[in-house]
Amino acid sequence: MTYNLAASQPPEMLRVHVVARRLGCSPRTIRRLILNGKLAAQRLGQRPWVVLSTDIEHFRSRRDAA
């Protein structure tokens, strides 16, 4: 997912445990969503997964529409 370059702040890069807390589920569930392609995430080198805050909002809107 991309973000609006004209926006004043770039989206936050959040670790899996923070995303889990925001979505009210376990970190294991978040990793499963990432590996199944349902939640966009990226790795920065050898570091753990990070999820952009805009991707969380996109995931929530798709989940709520279903």
N, C-alpha and C. Protein backbone atom coordinates (compact mmCIF):
# COMPACT_ATOMS: atom_id res chain seq x y z
N MET A 1 0.85 -1.17 0.00
CA MET A 1 0.00 0.00 0.00
C MET A 1 0.89 1.23 0.00
N THR A 2 0.48 2.25 -0.68
CA THR A 2 1.23 3.49 -0.72
C THR A 2 0.51 4.53 0.12
N TYR A 3 1.18 5.61 0.38
CA TYR A 3 0.55 6.68 1.13
C TYR A 3 0.72 7.98 0.37
N ASN A 4 -0.07 8.95 0.73
CA ASN A 4 -0.10 10.24 0.08
C ASN A 4 1.17 11.02 0.43
N LEU A 5 1.99 11.30 -0.56
CA LEU A 5 3.24 12.01 -0.31
C LEU A 5 3.01 13.45 0.13
N ALA A 6 1.82 13.98 -0.15
CA ALA A 6 1.52 15.35 0.26
C ALA A 6 1.13 15.41 1.73
N ALA A 7 0.87 14.27 2.34
CA ALA A 7 0.50 14.25 3.75
C ALA A 7 1.66 14.77 4.60
N SER A 8 1.33 15.37 5.71
CA SER A 8 2.38 15.96 6.54
C SER A 8 3.23 14.92 7.25
N GLN A 9 2.66 13.79 7.59
CA GLN A 9 3.40 12.75 8.31
C GLN A 9 3.34 11.44 7.55
N PRO A 10 4.46 10.76 7.40
CA PRO A 10 4.41 9.41 6.81
C PRO A 10 3.75 8.46 7.80
N PRO A 11 3.22 7.34 7.32
CA PRO A 11 2.56 6.41 8.24
C PRO A 11 3.57 5.80 9.22
N GLU A 12 3.05 5.41 10.37
CA GLU A 12 3.89 4.76 11.36
C GLU A 12 4.27 3.36 10.89
N MET A 13 5.45 2.91 11.28
CA MET A 13 5.86 1.53 11.02
C MET A 13 5.76 0.79 12.34
N LEU A 14 4.83 -0.16 12.42
CA LEU A 14 4.52 -0.82 13.68
C LEU A 14 4.96 -2.27 13.69
N ARG A 15 5.45 -2.73 14.81
CA ARG A 15 5.84 -4.13 14.97
C ARG A 15 4.59 -4.97 15.22
N VAL A 16 4.74 -6.27 15.03
CA VAL A 16 3.62 -7.21 15.10
C VAL A 16 2.87 -7.12 16.43
N HIS A 17 3.57 -7.04 17.54
CA HIS A 17 2.87 -7.02 18.83
C HIS A 17 2.04 -5.75 19.02
N VAL A 18 2.47 -4.65 18.44
CA VAL A 18 1.69 -3.40 18.52
C VAL A 18 0.44 -3.51 17.66
N VAL A 19 0.59 -4.07 16.47
CA VAL A 19 -0.57 -4.27 15.58
C VAL A 19 -1.58 -5.19 16.25
N ALA A 20 -1.10 -6.25 16.89
CA ALA A 20 -1.99 -7.18 17.58
C ALA A 20 -2.79 -6.47 18.66
N ARG A 21 -2.12 -5.63 19.42
CA ARG A 21 -2.81 -4.88 20.47
C ARG A 21 -3.87 -3.97 19.88
N ARG A 22 -3.54 -3.30 18.77
CA ARG A 22 -4.50 -2.37 18.15
C ARG A 22 -5.71 -3.09 17.57
N LEU A 23 -5.49 -4.30 17.06
CA LEU A 23 -6.60 -5.05 16.45
C LEU A 23 -7.28 -6.00 17.43
N GLY A 24 -6.75 -6.11 18.64
CA GLY A 24 -7.38 -6.95 19.66
C GLY A 24 -7.23 -8.44 19.41
N CYS A 25 -6.06 -8.86 18.94
CA CYS A 25 -5.80 -10.28 18.72
C CYS A 25 -4.36 -10.59 19.10
N SER A 26 -3.94 -11.81 18.88
CA SER A 26 -2.60 -12.21 19.28
C SER A 26 -1.57 -11.90 18.18
N PRO A 27 -0.31 -11.77 18.56
CA PRO A 27 0.74 -11.60 17.56
C PRO A 27 0.79 -12.78 16.58
N ARG A 28 0.49 -13.96 17.05
CA ARG A 28 0.47 -15.14 16.16
C ARG A 28 -0.59 -14.97 15.06
N THR A 29 -1.75 -14.44 15.43
CA THR A 29 -2.80 -14.19 14.44
C THR A 29 -2.33 -13.17 13.41
N ILE A 30 -1.65 -12.13 13.85
CA ILE A 30 -1.14 -11.11 12.93
C ILE A 30 -0.14 -11.72 11.97
N ARG A 31 0.78 -12.54 12.47
CA ARG A 31 1.75 -13.20 11.58
C ARG A 31 1.05 -14.10 10.57
N ARG A 32 0.01 -14.79 11.01
CA ARG A 32 -0.75 -15.65 10.10
C ARG A 32 -1.44 -14.81 9.02
N LEU A 33 -2.02 -13.67 9.39
CA LEU A 33 -2.65 -12.79 8.40
C LEU A 33 -1.62 -12.28 7.39
N ILE A 34 -0.43 -11.96 7.87
CA ILE A 34 0.63 -11.49 6.98
C ILE A 34 1.04 -12.59 6.01
N LEU A 35 1.28 -13.79 6.53
CA LEU A 35 1.74 -14.89 5.69
C LEU A 35 0.68 -15.34 4.69
N ASN A 36 -0.61 -15.16 5.03
CA ASN A 36 -1.70 -15.51 4.12
C ASN A 36 -2.03 -14.38 3.14
N GLY A 37 -1.33 -13.26 3.25
CA GLY A 37 -1.54 -12.15 2.32
C GLY A 37 -2.75 -11.29 2.63
N LYS A 38 -3.32 -11.43 3.82
CA LYS A 38 -4.51 -10.66 4.17
C LYS A 38 -4.18 -9.32 4.82
N LEU A 39 -2.96 -9.20 5.32
CA LEU A 39 -2.49 -7.96 5.93
C LEU A 39 -1.12 -7.65 5.34
N ALA A 40 -1.02 -6.49 4.72
CA ALA A 40 0.25 -6.10 4.09
C ALA A 40 1.30 -5.81 5.16
N ALA A 41 2.50 -6.28 4.92
CA ALA A 41 3.62 -6.04 5.84
C ALA A 41 4.91 -6.17 5.04
N GLN A 42 5.98 -5.75 5.67
CA GLN A 42 7.27 -5.86 5.01
C GLN A 42 8.35 -6.12 6.05
N ARG A 43 9.43 -6.67 5.57
CA ARG A 43 10.59 -6.89 6.42
C ARG A 43 11.66 -5.89 6.02
N LEU A 44 12.32 -5.37 6.99
CA LEU A 44 13.42 -4.46 6.72
C LEU A 44 14.71 -5.22 6.97
N GLY A 45 15.24 -5.84 5.95
CA GLY A 45 16.44 -6.67 6.10
C GLY A 45 16.10 -7.91 6.89
N GLN A 46 16.88 -8.22 7.90
CA GLN A 46 16.65 -9.39 8.74
C GLN A 46 15.73 -9.09 9.92
N ARG A 47 15.23 -7.89 10.00
CA ARG A 47 14.39 -7.50 11.13
C ARG A 47 13.01 -8.15 11.04
N PRO A 48 12.27 -8.13 12.17
CA PRO A 48 10.91 -8.69 12.15
C PRO A 48 9.98 -7.89 11.24
N TRP A 49 8.81 -8.44 11.05
CA TRP A 49 7.80 -7.78 10.22
C TRP A 49 7.44 -6.41 10.78
N VAL A 50 7.15 -5.47 9.88
CA VAL A 50 6.56 -4.19 10.26
C VAL A 50 5.34 -3.95 9.37
N VAL A 51 4.35 -3.30 9.96
CA VAL A 51 3.11 -3.01 9.26
C VAL A 51 2.91 -1.50 9.30
N LEU A 52 2.58 -0.91 8.17
CA LEU A 52 2.30 0.53 8.14
C LEU A 52 0.92 0.79 8.74
N SER A 53 0.80 1.89 9.46
CA SER A 53 -0.49 2.23 10.07
C SER A 53 -1.59 2.36 9.02
N THR A 54 -1.26 2.81 7.82
CA THR A 54 -2.27 2.91 6.76
C THR A 54 -2.75 1.53 6.33
N ASP A 55 -1.87 0.52 6.40
CA ASP A 55 -2.28 -0.84 6.06
C ASP A 55 -3.22 -1.42 7.10
N ILE A 56 -3.07 -1.01 8.36
CA ILE A 56 -4.01 -1.45 9.39
C ILE A 56 -5.40 -0.89 9.10
N GLU A 57 -5.46 0.38 8.74
CA GLU A 57 -6.76 0.99 8.42
C GLU A 57 -7.39 0.33 7.20
N HIS A 58 -6.58 0.02 6.21
CA HIS A 58 -7.07 -0.66 5.01
C HIS A 58 -7.62 -2.04 5.38
N PHE A 59 -6.90 -2.77 6.22
CA PHE A 59 -7.35 -4.08 6.68
C PHE A 59 -8.66 -3.98 7.43
N ARG A 60 -8.76 -2.99 8.34
CA ARG A 60 -10.00 -2.80 9.11
C ARG A 60 -11.18 -2.51 8.19
N SER A 61 -10.98 -1.68 7.19
CA SER A 61 -12.10 -1.32 6.31
C SER A 61 -12.55 -2.53 5.49
N ARG A 62 -11.61 -3.36 5.05
CA ARG A 62 -12.00 -4.59 4.32
C ARG A 62 -12.68 -5.57 5.24
N ARG A 63 -12.19 -5.69 6.48
CA ARG A 63 -12.78 -6.62 7.45
C ARG A 63 -14.20 -6.18 7.81
N ASP A 64 -14.40 -4.88 8.00
CA ASP A 64 -15.72 -4.38 8.37
C ASP A 64 -16.72 -4.47 7.23
N ALA A 65 -16.24 -4.43 5.98
CA ALA A 65 -17.13 -4.51 4.82
C ALA A 65 -17.60 -5.95 4.59
N ALA A 66 -16.84 -6.92 5.09
CA ALA A 66 -17.20 -8.33 4.87
C ALA A 66 -18.34 -8.79 5.73
